[in-house]
Amino acid sequence: MTSSTQAPPAPPAAGGTGRTTIPPVKVGRAQTTFYWMVWPAVIAFFVFHTVPVLVGIFYSFTNYAGYGGWNFVGLSNYANLFKDDRILAAYGFSFLFAIAATILTNAISLAIAMGLNAKIMARNLFRGVYFVPYVLAALVIGYVFQFLFSSSLPKILSGIPLFADNILTNETWAWTAIVALAVWQACAFTIIIYLSGLQTIPRELYEAAIMDGAGPWKRFWAITLPGIMGPLSVALVLRAIEAFKVFDIIYVMTRGGPADTTKTASFFVYQESFTYLRAGSGAAYALTVTLLSGLMIAVYVLMLRRREAAA
């Protein structure tokens, strides 16, 4: 009769290291466990993201009002993009706002990040202070800035014609107040991106450049800028997309006014869907905003690839 008891492991051979052999991991069982951990997130993403997107695409070809019945209208909602001057003006303002906010945010953030990366007193304290705007809710900040521009500045800067009255009611300059708020809040996160890139540049490069007689601008163009091209690309793309889809601060500060001069594409989608109860056309315009954002990313990535190929 054969015993089912396994023999004890043999002792290590003479002269061996005495290390115990680790049994191989069962890959199949481990992968099954990973799948069960991932599936809940995949299902939740599909239900709460993919399904609403597909439903929105479907209704973009209808005259759905958000309730009740609907009829197919084909591409009429998309054709209206090129017929309504209000829509074109909203998309045009979104592009101009995205350009101004992206350039200002990245230029200011890079300058501040370079200062915070230097050897200054209370450097960590200042890094925390500059990150505070990012953790504040955009709606809260919007109400604070609205009070600042409508009540505080007209009293403090009453001698300056531009700020003597509420700048948010000025059709010519209301956009500057919105850009100021957007840049102030976005700089917080963008500074962190640039700091992460600046800290990867070896100090020896700057020391060698100083010994060779290179000035601050020469060191910036020859060392700093090439060393942060990766973070720079990420910061530009993220900020451009966020600025193009801006909604919350527009909703709080101006509601698209005065005279629709600060109405963005995202705010126009909101009005079309929930104010005018034209959810079908609102879905079409929202899909267009998403496609334009993807196009912006594709064009920028293509430009980066061409530059890398040329280098």
Protein backbone atom coordinates (compact mmCIF):
# COMPACT_ATOMS: atom_id res chain seq x y z
CA MET A 1 0.00 0.00 0.00
CA THR A 2 1.43 3.32 -1.10
CA SER A 3 1.54 6.12 1.47
CA SER A 4 0.09 9.51 0.48
CA THR A 5 2.48 11.40 2.73
CA GLN A 6 4.97 13.48 0.73
CA ALA A 7 8.63 13.12 1.49
CA PRO A 8 10.28 16.07 3.27
CA PRO A 9 12.43 18.34 1.10
CA ALA A 10 15.98 17.22 0.69
CA PRO A 11 18.64 19.20 2.56
CA PRO A 12 20.87 21.50 0.51
CA ALA A 13 23.85 19.89 -1.10
CA ALA A 14 27.29 20.38 0.37
CA GLY A 15 28.82 23.65 -0.61
CA GLY A 16 25.40 25.07 -1.62
CA THR A 17 24.00 28.38 -0.53
CA GLY A 18 21.25 26.87 1.57
CA ARG A 19 18.55 29.03 -0.08
CA THR A 20 14.99 27.69 -0.25
CA THR A 21 13.53 27.40 -3.72
CA ILE A 22 10.40 29.55 -4.10
CA PRO A 23 7.61 27.71 -5.90
CA PRO A 24 6.41 29.37 -9.10
CA VAL A 25 3.34 31.60 -8.93
CA LYS A 26 0.23 30.23 -10.57
CA VAL A 27 -0.24 32.86 -13.26
CA GLY A 28 -3.68 31.71 -14.32
CA ARG A 29 -5.20 32.08 -10.86
CA ALA A 30 -3.54 35.46 -10.31
CA GLN A 31 -4.90 36.81 -13.58
CA THR A 32 -8.40 35.62 -12.69
CA THR A 33 -8.18 37.51 -9.40
CA PHE A 34 -7.07 40.66 -11.19
CA TYR A 35 -9.98 40.40 -13.61
CA TRP A 36 -12.48 40.15 -10.75
CA MET A 37 -10.91 43.27 -9.21
CA VAL A 38 -11.15 45.23 -12.46
CA TRP A 39 -14.58 44.15 -13.69
CA PRO A 40 -16.62 46.23 -11.18
CA ALA A 41 -14.84 49.39 -12.30
CA VAL A 42 -15.31 48.47 -15.97
CA ILE A 43 -19.02 47.83 -15.48
CA ALA A 44 -19.49 51.06 -13.53
CA PHE A 45 -17.64 53.03 -16.23
CA PHE A 46 -19.79 51.46 -18.94
CA VAL A 47 -23.06 52.12 -17.12
CA PHE A 48 -22.38 55.67 -15.93
CA HIS A 49 -20.21 56.91 -18.81
CA THR A 50 -20.43 54.88 -22.00
CA VAL A 51 -24.20 54.33 -21.94
CA PRO A 52 -25.02 58.05 -21.39
CA VAL A 53 -22.64 58.97 -24.22
CA LEU A 54 -24.32 56.51 -26.59
CA VAL A 55 -27.76 57.77 -25.54
CA GLY A 56 -26.63 61.35 -26.13
CA ILE A 57 -25.34 60.48 -29.59
CA PHE A 58 -28.69 58.85 -30.40
CA TYR A 59 -30.71 61.86 -29.25
CA SER A 60 -28.46 64.23 -31.20
CA PHE A 61 -30.25 63.02 -34.33
CA THR A 62 -33.70 63.79 -32.88
CA ASN A 63 -35.75 66.76 -31.78
CA TYR A 64 -35.97 65.44 -28.22
CA ALA A 65 -36.89 68.11 -25.68
CA GLY A 66 -35.68 66.25 -22.60
CA TYR A 67 -39.08 64.75 -21.90
CA GLY A 68 -41.94 63.26 -23.87
CA GLY A 69 -41.73 61.99 -27.43
CA TRP A 70 -39.26 62.71 -30.20
CA ASN A 71 -38.79 62.40 -33.95
CA PHE A 72 -35.70 61.80 -36.06
CA VAL A 73 -34.36 64.94 -37.73
CA GLY A 74 -31.18 63.49 -39.21
CA LEU A 75 -28.26 65.89 -39.37
CA SER A 76 -30.38 69.01 -38.89
CA ASN A 77 -29.00 69.69 -35.41
CA TYR A 78 -25.44 69.55 -36.73
CA ALA A 79 -26.30 71.68 -39.76
CA ASN A 80 -27.60 74.40 -37.45
CA LEU A 81 -24.05 74.84 -36.17
CA PHE A 82 -23.23 76.70 -39.38
CA LYS A 83 -26.51 78.61 -39.63
CA ASP A 84 -26.88 80.21 -36.20
CA ASP A 85 -24.55 83.14 -35.56
CA ARG A 86 -25.00 82.71 -31.80
CA ILE A 87 -23.48 79.24 -31.96
CA LEU A 88 -20.53 80.36 -34.06
CA ALA A 89 -19.92 83.29 -31.70
CA ALA A 90 -19.94 80.96 -28.67
CA TYR A 91 -17.48 78.56 -30.30
CA GLY A 92 -15.30 81.46 -31.42
CA PHE A 93 -15.17 82.89 -27.90
CA SER A 94 -14.30 79.43 -26.55
CA PHE A 95 -11.31 79.19 -28.88
CA LEU A 96 -10.07 82.69 -28.05
CA PHE A 97 -10.58 82.10 -24.34
CA ALA A 98 -8.68 78.79 -24.54
CA ILE A 99 -5.74 80.43 -26.34
CA ALA A 100 -5.47 83.35 -23.90
CA ALA A 101 -5.93 81.20 -20.78
CA THR A 102 -3.48 78.54 -21.95
CA ILE A 103 -0.70 80.97 -22.82
CA LEU A 104 -1.05 83.05 -19.66
CA THR A 105 -1.42 80.04 -17.35
CA ASN A 106 1.67 78.27 -18.65
CA ALA A 107 3.84 81.39 -18.81
CA ILE A 108 2.99 82.46 -15.25
CA SER A 109 3.15 78.91 -13.87
CA LEU A 110 6.59 78.28 -15.35
CA ALA A 111 7.94 81.53 -13.92
CA ILE A 112 6.56 80.74 -10.45
CA ALA A 113 7.75 77.12 -10.63
CA MET A 114 11.28 78.26 -11.42
CA GLY A 115 11.17 80.55 -8.39
CA LEU A 116 9.84 77.78 -6.14
CA ASN A 117 12.52 75.42 -7.43
CA ALA A 118 15.29 77.81 -6.39
CA LYS A 119 16.86 77.85 -2.94
CA ILE A 120 14.58 80.35 -1.21
CA MET A 121 13.40 80.69 2.36
CA ALA A 122 10.18 78.81 3.28
CA ARG A 123 10.11 77.13 -0.13
CA ASN A 124 7.84 74.28 0.95
CA LEU A 125 5.42 76.73 2.58
CA PHE A 126 5.09 78.72 -0.63
CA ARG A 127 4.55 75.53 -2.62
CA GLY A 128 1.62 74.66 -0.40
CA VAL A 129 0.18 78.17 -0.59
CA TYR A 130 0.28 78.23 -4.39
CA PHE A 131 -1.54 74.88 -4.53
CA VAL A 132 -4.50 76.08 -2.43
CA PRO A 133 -6.57 77.48 -5.37
CA TYR A 134 -6.67 74.03 -6.99
CA VAL A 135 -8.41 72.38 -4.04
CA LEU A 136 -11.12 75.07 -3.82
CA ALA A 137 -14.41 74.52 -5.63
CA ALA A 138 -14.72 76.52 -8.84
CA LEU A 139 -18.21 77.70 -7.92
CA VAL A 140 -17.02 79.05 -4.58
CA ILE A 141 -14.12 80.86 -6.24
CA GLY A 142 -16.48 82.20 -8.89
CA TYR A 143 -18.80 83.77 -6.32
CA VAL A 144 -15.82 85.30 -4.49
CA PHE A 145 -14.41 86.84 -7.67
CA GLN A 146 -17.86 88.02 -8.72
CA PHE A 147 -18.16 89.93 -5.45
CA LEU A 148 -14.62 91.23 -5.92
CA PHE A 149 -15.25 92.61 -9.40
CA SER A 150 -18.77 93.86 -8.76
CA SER A 151 -18.44 95.38 -5.27
CA SER A 152 -14.88 95.58 -3.95
CA LEU A 153 -12.83 96.82 -6.91
CA PRO A 154 -15.27 99.63 -7.88
CA LYS A 155 -14.76 101.06 -4.38
CA ILE A 156 -11.03 100.42 -4.09
CA LEU A 157 -10.12 101.47 -7.64
CA SER A 158 -12.81 104.07 -8.18
CA GLY A 159 -10.27 106.42 -9.76
CA ILE A 160 -9.60 104.00 -12.64
CA PRO A 161 -12.35 104.23 -15.30
CA LEU A 162 -12.17 100.53 -16.17
CA PHE A 163 -12.85 99.44 -12.57
CA ALA A 164 -15.08 102.35 -11.52
CA ASP A 165 -18.08 100.23 -12.54
CA ASN A 166 -18.60 96.49 -12.49
CA ILE A 167 -16.24 95.15 -15.17
CA LEU A 168 -18.46 92.08 -15.57
CA THR A 169 -21.11 94.32 -17.18
CA ASN A 170 -18.63 95.78 -19.66
CA GLU A 171 -19.16 94.18 -23.08
CA THR A 172 -15.59 94.98 -24.12
CA TRP A 173 -13.61 93.91 -21.05
CA ALA A 174 -15.77 91.36 -19.21
CA TRP A 175 -13.75 88.52 -20.71
CA THR A 176 -10.58 89.74 -18.98
CA ALA A 177 -12.12 89.16 -15.55
CA ILE A 178 -13.02 85.59 -16.52
CA VAL A 179 -9.55 84.93 -17.89
CA ALA A 180 -8.02 86.32 -14.68
CA LEU A 181 -10.04 83.90 -12.56
CA ALA A 182 -9.33 80.94 -14.85
CA VAL A 183 -5.59 81.62 -14.86
CA TRP A 184 -5.45 82.17 -11.09
CA GLN A 185 -7.06 78.81 -10.39
CA ALA A 186 -5.32 76.79 -13.13
CA CYS A 187 -1.82 77.98 -12.19
CA ALA A 188 -1.93 75.90 -9.00
CA PHE A 189 -1.92 72.52 -10.74
CA THR A 190 0.27 73.67 -13.64
CA ILE A 191 2.97 74.81 -11.21
CA ILE A 192 3.12 71.27 -9.79
CA ILE A 193 3.61 69.86 -13.29
CA TYR A 194 6.49 72.22 -14.02
CA LEU A 195 8.07 71.64 -10.61
CA SER A 196 8.16 67.91 -11.27
CA GLY A 197 10.00 68.56 -14.53
CA LEU A 198 12.43 71.12 -13.14
CA GLN A 199 13.49 68.78 -10.35
CA THR A 200 14.61 66.16 -12.88
CA ILE A 201 17.19 68.49 -14.45
CA PRO A 202 20.65 67.80 -12.95
CA ARG A 203 22.17 70.71 -11.07
CA GLU A 204 25.54 69.90 -12.63
CA LEU A 205 24.30 71.21 -15.98
CA TYR A 206 23.60 74.65 -14.51
CA GLU A 207 26.93 74.69 -12.65
CA ALA A 208 28.79 73.83 -15.83
CA ALA A 209 26.90 76.49 -17.79
CA ILE A 210 27.72 79.13 -15.16
CA MET A 211 31.39 78.20 -15.33
CA ASP A 212 31.23 78.62 -19.12
CA GLY A 213 29.82 82.12 -18.64
CA ALA A 214 26.21 81.45 -19.70
CA GLY A 215 23.72 84.00 -18.44
CA PRO A 216 20.22 83.33 -17.05
CA TRP A 217 18.47 83.53 -20.44
CA LYS A 218 21.07 81.32 -22.08
CA ARG A 219 20.68 78.72 -19.32
CA PHE A 220 16.89 78.86 -19.69
CA TRP A 221 16.87 78.28 -23.45
CA ALA A 222 19.71 75.74 -23.49
CA ILE A 223 18.98 73.72 -20.33
CA THR A 224 15.65 74.50 -18.64
CA LEU A 225 13.33 74.57 -21.64
CA PRO A 226 14.67 71.37 -23.30
CA GLY A 227 14.57 69.62 -19.92
CA ILE A 228 10.87 70.29 -19.33
CA MET A 229 9.50 69.63 -22.82
CA GLY A 230 7.58 66.61 -21.55
CA PRO A 231 5.81 68.44 -18.69
CA LEU A 232 5.34 71.45 -20.98
CA SER A 233 3.47 69.33 -23.52
CA VAL A 234 1.24 67.82 -20.84
CA ALA A 235 0.49 71.21 -19.29
CA LEU A 236 -0.38 72.81 -22.63
CA VAL A 237 -2.74 70.02 -23.69
CA LEU A 238 -4.52 69.75 -20.33
CA ARG A 239 -4.97 73.48 -19.97
CA ALA A 240 -6.19 73.96 -23.55
CA ILE A 241 -8.86 71.27 -23.15
CA GLU A 242 -10.04 72.57 -19.76
CA ALA A 243 -10.17 76.16 -21.01
CA PHE A 244 -12.08 75.24 -24.16
CA LYS A 245 -14.75 73.41 -22.14
CA VAL A 246 -15.02 76.02 -19.37
CA PHE A 247 -18.50 76.30 -17.90
CA ASP A 248 -18.63 76.74 -14.12
CA ILE A 249 -17.00 80.14 -13.83
CA ILE A 250 -19.06 81.45 -16.76
CA TYR A 251 -22.22 80.24 -15.07
CA VAL A 252 -21.36 81.97 -11.79
CA MET A 253 -19.83 85.23 -12.98
CA THR A 254 -21.62 86.36 -16.14
CA ARG A 255 -24.14 83.72 -17.33
CA GLY A 256 -22.72 84.38 -20.79
CA GLY A 257 -23.34 88.13 -20.64
CA PRO A 258 -23.25 90.97 -21.12
CA ALA A 259 -25.03 90.61 -24.47
CA ASP A 260 -23.66 87.05 -24.92
CA THR A 261 -20.08 88.37 -25.20
CA THR A 262 -18.74 85.76 -22.74
CA LYS A 263 -20.91 82.81 -23.74
CA THR A 264 -18.80 79.69 -24.32
CA ALA A 265 -19.69 76.55 -26.23
CA SER A 266 -20.26 74.57 -23.04
CA PHE A 267 -22.57 77.24 -21.60
CA PHE A 268 -24.46 77.32 -24.89
CA VAL A 269 -24.96 73.55 -24.62
CA TYR A 270 -26.34 74.03 -21.10
CA GLN A 271 -28.78 76.71 -22.20
CA GLU A 272 -29.90 74.74 -25.24
CA SER A 273 -30.59 71.63 -23.17
CA PHE A 274 -32.01 72.96 -19.90
CA THR A 275 -33.19 76.51 -20.58
CA TYR A 276 -34.66 76.22 -24.05
CA LEU A 277 -35.49 72.49 -23.58
CA ARG A 278 -33.90 71.40 -26.84
CA ALA A 279 -31.99 68.40 -25.56
CA GLY A 280 -31.53 66.92 -29.03
CA SER A 281 -29.65 69.91 -30.42
CA GLY A 282 -27.87 70.31 -27.07
CA ALA A 283 -26.55 66.75 -27.38
CA ALA A 284 -25.33 67.50 -30.91
CA TYR A 285 -23.49 70.61 -29.76
CA ALA A 286 -21.99 68.76 -26.78
CA LEU A 287 -20.72 66.02 -29.08
CA THR A 288 -19.19 68.69 -31.30
CA VAL A 289 -17.35 70.20 -28.34
CA THR A 290 -15.96 66.77 -27.48
CA LEU A 291 -14.84 66.14 -31.06
CA LEU A 292 -13.16 69.54 -31.27
CA SER A 293 -11.30 68.83 -28.03
CA GLY A 294 -10.10 65.52 -29.44
CA LEU A 295 -9.06 67.27 -32.65
CA MET A 296 -7.00 69.76 -30.66
CA ILE A 297 -5.19 66.89 -28.93
CA ALA A 298 -4.58 65.06 -32.21
CA VAL A 299 -3.13 68.14 -33.91
CA TYR A 300 -0.84 68.89 -30.99
CA VAL A 301 0.40 65.29 -30.74
CA LEU A 302 1.09 65.29 -34.49
CA MET A 303 3.11 68.49 -34.15
CA LEU A 304 5.16 66.95 -31.32
CA ARG A 305 5.88 63.82 -33.35
CA ARG A 306 7.05 65.86 -36.31
CA ARG A 307 9.34 67.92 -34.10
CA GLU A 308 10.78 64.80 -32.48
CA ALA A 309 11.33 63.24 -35.91
CA ALA A 310 13.08 66.39 -37.12
CA ALA A 311 15.33 66.40 -34.03
